[in-house]
Amino acid sequence: MAHEPDTQPTELPGTRAELEALHGETRRRRNRAAHGSPEHVAAIDLLGRIEVEIARIEREMVPPLV
């Protein structure tokens, strides 16, 4: 049976600094993985989740314009 990669943590870190660190680590993991491999795809998915969470945090830092 093939090894399934660890695709994503159940919860992302709660601070922007922790998310940025995880983003860097995940980019390195993506870059080491063979293009199109399950590890590569999982890293790309996680990068997207991290970027969405960073954007959410940044939106909360600035009140919306009225």
PDB file of N, CA and C in Angstrom:
ATOM      1  N   MET A   1       0.858  -1.183   0.000  1.00  0.00           N
ATOM      2  CA  MET A   1       0.000   0.000   0.000  1.00  0.00           C
ATOM      3  C   MET A   1       0.897   1.237   0.000  1.00  0.00           C
ATOM      4  N   ALA A   2       0.551   2.219  -0.821  1.00  0.00           N
ATOM      5  CA  ALA A   2       1.346   3.437  -0.939  1.00  0.00           C
ATOM      6  C   ALA A   2       1.176   4.307   0.298  1.00  0.00           C
ATOM      7  N   HIS A   3       2.243   5.017   0.639  1.00  0.00           N
ATOM      8  CA  HIS A   3       2.212   5.938   1.776  1.00  0.00           C
ATOM      9  C   HIS A   3       1.440   7.184   1.382  1.00  0.00           C
ATOM     10  N   GLU A   4       0.450   7.535   2.169  1.00  0.00           N
ATOM     11  CA  GLU A   4      -0.308   8.764   1.939  1.00  0.00           C
ATOM     12  C   GLU A   4       0.406   9.910   2.637  1.00  0.00           C
ATOM     13  N   PRO A   5       0.653  11.018   1.930  1.00  0.00           N
ATOM     14  CA  PRO A   5       1.333  12.153   2.568  1.00  0.00           C
ATOM     15  C   PRO A   5       0.445  12.805   3.607  1.00  0.00           C
ATOM     16  N   ASP A   6       1.091  13.460   4.561  1.00  0.00           N
ATOM     17  CA  ASP A   6       0.369  14.263   5.547  1.00  0.00           C
ATOM     18  C   ASP A   6      -0.114  15.496   4.798  1.00  0.00           C
ATOM     19  N   THR A   7      -1.384  15.506   4.419  1.00  0.00           N
ATOM     20  CA  THR A   7      -1.870  16.536   3.519  1.00  0.00           C
ATOM     21  C   THR A   7      -2.061  17.893   4.185  1.00  0.00           C
ATOM     22  N   GLN A   8      -2.581  17.913   5.392  1.00  0.00           N
ATOM     23  CA  GLN A   8      -2.786  19.200   6.041  1.00  0.00           C
ATOM     24  C   GLN A   8      -3.093  19.026   7.521  1.00  0.00           C
ATOM     25  N   PRO A   9      -2.648  19.980   8.315  1.00  0.00           N
ATOM     26  CA  PRO A   9      -2.997  19.911   9.736  1.00  0.00           C
ATOM     27  C   PRO A   9      -4.484  20.207   9.895  1.00  0.00           C
ATOM     28  N   THR A  10      -5.062  19.722  10.991  1.00  0.00           N
ATOM     29  CA  THR A  10      -6.476  19.984  11.213  1.00  0.00           C
ATOM     30  C   THR A  10      -6.712  21.462  11.495  1.00  0.00           C
ATOM     31  N   GLU A  11      -5.780  22.107  12.148  1.00  0.00           N
ATOM     32  CA  GLU A  11      -5.921  23.537  12.445  1.00  0.00           C
ATOM     33  C   GLU A  11      -4.635  24.260  12.070  1.00  0.00           C
ATOM     34  N   LEU A  12      -4.795  25.456  11.539  1.00  0.00           N
ATOM     35  CA  LEU A  12      -3.637  26.284  11.221  1.00  0.00           C
ATOM     36  C   LEU A  12      -3.266  27.105  12.452  1.00  0.00           C
ATOM     37  N   PRO A  13      -2.014  27.559  12.527  1.00  0.00           N
ATOM     38  CA  PRO A  13      -1.621  28.422  13.650  1.00  0.00           C
ATOM     39  C   PRO A  13      -2.489  29.673  13.690  1.00  0.00           C
ATOM     40  N   GLY A  14      -2.533  30.304  14.846  1.00  0.00           N
ATOM     41  CA  GLY A  14      -3.425  31.442  15.032  1.00  0.00           C
ATOM     42  C   GLY A  14      -2.820  32.807  14.810  1.00  0.00           C
ATOM     43  N   THR A  15      -1.503  32.904  14.705  1.00  0.00           N
ATOM     44  CA  THR A  15      -0.898  34.226  14.532  1.00  0.00           C
ATOM     45  C   THR A  15      -0.289  34.361  13.146  1.00  0.00           C
ATOM     46  N   ARG A  16      -0.197  35.594  12.710  1.00  0.00           N
ATOM     47  CA  ARG A  16       0.380  35.869  11.383  1.00  0.00           C
ATOM     48  C   ARG A  16       1.831  35.389  11.331  1.00  0.00           C
ATOM     49  N   ALA A  17       2.593  35.609  12.382  1.00  0.00           N
ATOM     50  CA  ALA A  17       3.997  35.195  12.409  1.00  0.00           C
ATOM     51  C   ALA A  17       4.123  33.675  12.271  1.00  0.00           C
ATOM     52  N   GLU A  18       3.276  32.945  12.994  1.00  0.00           N
ATOM     53  CA  GLU A  18       3.312  31.475  12.901  1.00  0.00           C
ATOM     54  C   GLU A  18       2.891  31.006  11.508  1.00  0.00           C
ATOM     55  N   LEU A  19       1.898  31.671  10.937  1.00  0.00           N
ATOM     56  CA  LEU A  19       1.453  31.318   9.586  1.00  0.00           C
ATOM     57  C   LEU A  19       2.544  31.581   8.560  1.00  0.00           C
ATOM     58  N   GLU A  20       3.253  32.706   8.719  1.00  0.00           N
ATOM     59  CA  GLU A  20       4.346  33.010   7.792  1.00  0.00           C
ATOM     60  C   GLU A  20       5.463  31.974   7.893  1.00  0.00           C
ATOM     61  N   ALA A  21       5.767  31.523   9.106  1.00  0.00           N
ATOM     62  CA  ALA A  21       6.791  30.491   9.286  1.00  0.00           C
ATOM     63  C   ALA A  21       6.345  29.183   8.634  1.00  0.00           C
ATOM     64  N   LEU A  22       5.089  28.810   8.842  1.00  0.00           N
ATOM     65  CA  LEU A  22       4.562  27.593   8.235  1.00  0.00           C
ATOM     66  C   LEU A  22       4.547  27.723   6.721  1.00  0.00           C
ATOM     67  N   HIS A  23       4.257  28.910   6.209  1.00  0.00           N
ATOM     68  CA  HIS A  23       4.247  29.148   4.764  1.00  0.00           C
ATOM     69  C   HIS A  23       5.638  28.899   4.187  1.00  0.00           C
ATOM     70  N   GLY A  24       6.662  29.415   4.843  1.00  0.00           N
ATOM     71  CA  GLY A  24       8.033  29.200   4.371  1.00  0.00           C
ATOM     72  C   GLY A  24       8.416  27.729   4.387  1.00  0.00           C
ATOM     73  N   GLU A  25       8.078  27.057   5.465  1.00  0.00           N
ATOM     74  CA  GLU A  25       8.366  25.622   5.590  1.00  0.00           C
ATOM     75  C   GLU A  25       7.633  24.829   4.502  1.00  0.00           C
ATOM     76  N   THR A  26       6.391  25.195   4.253  1.00  0.00           N
ATOM     77  CA  THR A  26       5.580  24.488   3.254  1.00  0.00           C
ATOM     78  C   THR A  26       6.095  24.764   1.842  1.00  0.00           C
ATOM     79  N   ARG A  27       6.551  25.986   1.573  1.00  0.00           N
ATOM     80  CA  ARG A  27       7.150  26.279   0.260  1.00  0.00           C
ATOM     81  C   ARG A  27       8.369  25.415   0.023  1.00  0.00           C
ATOM     82  N   ARG A  28       9.200  25.275   1.058  1.00  0.00           N
ATOM     83  CA  ARG A  28      10.398  24.434   0.914  1.00  0.00           C
ATOM     84  C   ARG A  28      10.008  22.975   0.656  1.00  0.00           C
ATOM     85  N   ARG A  29       8.978  22.503   1.363  1.00  0.00           N
ATOM     86  CA  ARG A  29       8.504  21.129   1.163  1.00  0.00           C
ATOM     87  C   ARG A  29       7.970  20.953  -0.263  1.00  0.00           C
ATOM     88  N   ARG A  30       7.207  21.932  -0.733  1.00  0.00           N
ATOM     89  CA  ARG A  30       6.688  21.882  -2.102  1.00  0.00           C
ATOM     90  C   ARG A  30       7.825  21.849  -3.114  1.00  0.00           C
ATOM     91  N   ASN A  31       8.835  22.673  -2.895  1.00  0.00           N
ATOM     92  CA  ASN A  31       9.948  22.749  -3.838  1.00  0.00           C
ATOM     93  C   ASN A  31      10.776  21.471  -3.871  1.00  0.00           C
ATOM     94  N   ARG A  32      10.842  20.736  -2.767  1.00  0.00           N
ATOM     95  CA  ARG A  32      11.598  19.472  -2.718  1.00  0.00           C
ATOM     96  C   ARG A  32      10.830  18.319  -3.351  1.00  0.00           C
ATOM     97  N   ALA A  33       9.505  18.408  -3.372  1.00  0.00           N
ATOM     98  CA  ALA A  33       8.670  17.308  -3.860  1.00  0.00           C
ATOM     99  C   ALA A  33       8.703  17.256  -5.388  1.00  0.00           C
ATOM    100  N   ALA A  34       8.540  16.066  -5.908  1.00  0.00           N
ATOM    101  CA  ALA A  34       8.452  15.889  -7.357  1.00  0.00           C
ATOM    102  C   ALA A  34       7.180  16.573  -7.857  1.00  0.00           C
ATOM    103  N   HIS A  35       7.310  17.289  -8.962  1.00  0.00           N
ATOM    104  CA  HIS A  35       6.175  18.009  -9.530  1.00  0.00           C
ATOM    105  C   HIS A  35       5.022  17.046  -9.809  1.00  0.00           C
ATOM    106  N   GLY A  36       3.841  17.391  -9.299  1.00  0.00           N
ATOM    107  CA  GLY A  36       2.659  16.581  -9.520  1.00  0.00           C
ATOM    108  C   GLY A  36       2.474  15.424  -8.550  1.00  0.00           C
ATOM    109  N   SER A  37       3.463  15.194  -7.690  1.00  0.00           N
ATOM    110  CA  SER A  37       3.357  14.104  -6.718  1.00  0.00           C
ATOM    111  C   SER A  37       2.313  14.462  -5.656  1.00  0.00           C
ATOM    112  N   PRO A  38       1.820  13.464  -4.919  1.00  0.00           N
ATOM    113  CA  PRO A  38       0.859  13.776  -3.841  1.00  0.00           C
ATOM    114  C   PRO A  38       1.417  14.782  -2.836  1.00  0.00           C
ATOM    115  N   GLU A  39       2.714  14.703  -2.536  1.00  0.00           N
ATOM    116  CA  GLU A  39       3.335  15.649  -1.593  1.00  0.00           C
ATOM    117  C   GLU A  39       3.314  17.063  -2.160  1.00  0.00           C
ATOM    118  N   HIS A  40       3.580  17.193  -3.454  1.00  0.00           N
ATOM    119  CA  HIS A  40       3.591  18.491  -4.130  1.00  0.00           C
ATOM    120  C   HIS A  40       2.187  19.094  -4.111  1.00  0.00           C
ATOM    121  N   VAL A  41       1.203  18.294  -4.474  1.00  0.00           N
ATOM    122  CA  VAL A  41      -0.189  18.753  -4.500  1.00  0.00           C
ATOM    123  C   VAL A  41      -0.654  19.146  -3.097  1.00  0.00           C
ATOM    124  N   ALA A  42      -0.318  18.336  -2.095  1.00  0.00           N
ATOM    125  CA  ALA A  42      -0.717  18.636  -0.716  1.00  0.00           C
ATOM    126  C   ALA A  42      -0.088  19.947  -0.236  1.00  0.00           C
ATOM    127  N   ALA A  43       1.168  20.174  -0.582  1.00  0.00           N
ATOM    128  CA  ALA A  43       1.840  21.410  -0.174  1.00  0.00           C
ATOM    129  C   ALA A  43       1.191  22.621  -0.834  1.00  0.00           C
ATOM    130  N   ILE A  44       0.832  22.493  -2.111  1.00  0.00           N
ATOM    131  CA  ILE A  44       0.162  23.593  -2.808  1.00  0.00           C
ATOM    132  C   ILE A  44      -1.177  23.895  -2.135  1.00  0.00           C
ATOM    133  N   ASP A  45      -1.919  22.858  -1.783  1.00  0.00           N
ATOM    134  CA  ASP A  45      -3.200  23.045  -1.100  1.00  0.00           C
ATOM    135  C   ASP A  45      -3.007  23.752   0.235  1.00  0.00           C
ATOM    136  N   LEU A  46      -2.018  23.312   0.995  1.00  0.00           N
ATOM    137  CA  LEU A  46      -1.764  23.928   2.297  1.00  0.00           C
ATOM    138  C   LEU A  46      -1.325  25.381   2.136  1.00  0.00           C
ATOM    139  N   LEU A  47      -0.518  25.680   1.116  1.00  0.00           N
ATOM    140  CA  LEU A  47      -0.113  27.065   0.884  1.00  0.00           C
ATOM    141  C   LEU A  47      -1.340  27.949   0.659  1.00  0.00           C
ATOM    142  N   GLY A  48      -2.287  27.452  -0.101  1.00  0.00           N
ATOM    143  CA  GLY A  48      -3.510  28.217  -0.335  1.00  0.00           C
ATOM    144  C   GLY A  48      -4.272  28.464   0.948  1.00  0.00           C
ATOM    145  N   ARG A  49      -4.393  27.433   1.778  1.00  0.00           N
ATOM    146  CA  ARG A  49      -5.102  27.585   3.059  1.00  0.00           C
ATOM    147  C   ARG A  49      -4.401  28.606   3.949  1.00  0.00           C
ATOM    148  N   ILE A  50      -3.072  28.555   3.975  1.00  0.00           N
ATOM    149  CA  ILE A  50      -2.299  29.498   4.795  1.00  0.00           C
ATOM    150  C   ILE A  50      -2.512  30.923   4.291  1.00  0.00           C
ATOM    151  N   GLU A  51      -2.452  31.108   2.974  1.00  0.00           N
ATOM    152  CA  GLU A  51      -2.602  32.446   2.408  1.00  0.00           C
ATOM    153  C   GLU A  51      -3.990  33.014   2.674  1.00  0.00           C
ATOM    154  N   VAL A  52      -5.011  32.176   2.611  1.00  0.00           N
ATOM    155  CA  VAL A  52      -6.364  32.636   2.927  1.00  0.00           C
ATOM    156  C   VAL A  52      -6.444  33.071   4.386  1.00  0.00           C
ATOM    157  N   GLU A  53      -5.827  32.307   5.278  1.00  0.00           N
ATOM    158  CA  GLU A  53      -5.865  32.650   6.707  1.00  0.00           C
ATOM    159  C   GLU A  53      -5.088  33.936   6.987  1.00  0.00           C
ATOM    160  N   ILE A  54      -3.942  34.127   6.326  1.00  0.00           N
ATOM    161  CA  ILE A  54      -3.195  35.381   6.489  1.00  0.00           C
ATOM    162  C   ILE A  54      -4.046  36.554   6.016  1.00  0.00           C
ATOM    163  N   ALA A  55      -4.720  36.393   4.881  1.00  0.00           N
ATOM    164  CA  ALA A  55      -5.582  37.459   4.359  1.00  0.00           C
ATOM    165  C   ALA A  55      -6.715  37.757   5.333  1.00  0.00           C
ATOM    166  N   ARG A  56      -7.288  36.724   5.955  1.00  0.00           N
ATOM    167  CA  ARG A  56      -8.365  36.935   6.933  1.00  0.00           C
ATOM    168  C   ARG A  56      -7.858  37.754   8.111  1.00  0.00           C
ATOM    169  N   ILE A  57      -6.687  37.409   8.604  1.00  0.00           N
ATOM    170  CA  ILE A  57      -6.100  38.145   9.733  1.00  0.00           C
ATOM    171  C   ILE A  57      -5.849  39.595   9.339  1.00  0.00           C
ATOM    172  N   GLU A  58      -5.320  39.809   8.130  1.00  0.00           N
ATOM    173  CA  GLU A  58      -5.037  41.177   7.682  1.00  0.00           C
ATOM    174  C   GLU A  58      -6.318  41.994   7.521  1.00  0.00           C
ATOM    175  N   ARG A  59      -7.389  41.373   7.047  1.00  0.00           N
ATOM    176  CA  ARG A  59      -8.671  42.100   6.923  1.00  0.00           C
ATOM    177  C   ARG A  59      -9.184  42.529   8.285  1.00  0.00           C
ATOM    178  N   GLU A  60      -8.968  41.704   9.301  1.00  0.00           N
ATOM    179  CA  GLU A  60      -9.433  42.056  10.637  1.00  0.00           C
ATOM    180  C   GLU A  60      -8.599  43.180  11.264  1.00  0.00           C
ATOM    181  N   MET A  61      -7.364  43.369  10.766  1.00  0.00           N
ATOM    182  CA  MET A  61      -6.494  44.392  11.318  1.00  0.00           C
ATOM    183  C   MET A  61      -6.922  45.791  10.869  1.00  0.00           C
ATOM    184  N   VAL A  62      -7.565  45.883   9.742  1.00  0.00           N
ATOM    185  CA  VAL A  62      -7.954  47.181   9.183  1.00  0.00           C
ATOM    186  C   VAL A  62      -9.471  47.235   9.129  1.00  0.00           C
ATOM    187  N   PRO A  63     -10.118  48.211   9.782  1.00  0.00           N
ATOM    188  CA  PRO A  63     -11.580  48.267   9.702  1.00  0.00           C
ATOM    189  C   PRO A  63     -12.018  48.507   8.247  1.00  0.00           C
ATOM    190  N   PRO A  64     -13.149  47.927   7.861  1.00  0.00           N
ATOM    191  CA  PRO A  64     -13.614  48.144   6.486  1.00  0.00           C
ATOM    192  C   PRO A  64     -13.973  49.612   6.252  1.00  0.00           C
ATOM    193  N   LEU A  65     -13.756  50.039   5.024  1.00  0.00           N
ATOM    194  CA  LEU A  65     -14.132  51.411   4.663  1.00  0.00           C
ATOM    195  C   LEU A  65     -15.650  51.479   4.500  1.00  0.00           C
ATOM    196  N   VAL A  66     -16.241  52.567   4.987  1.00  0.00           N
ATOM    197  CA  VAL A  66     -17.690  52.709   4.908  1.00  0.00           C
ATOM    198  C   VAL A  66     -18.040  53.740   3.877  1.00  0.00           C
TER     199      VAL A  66
END
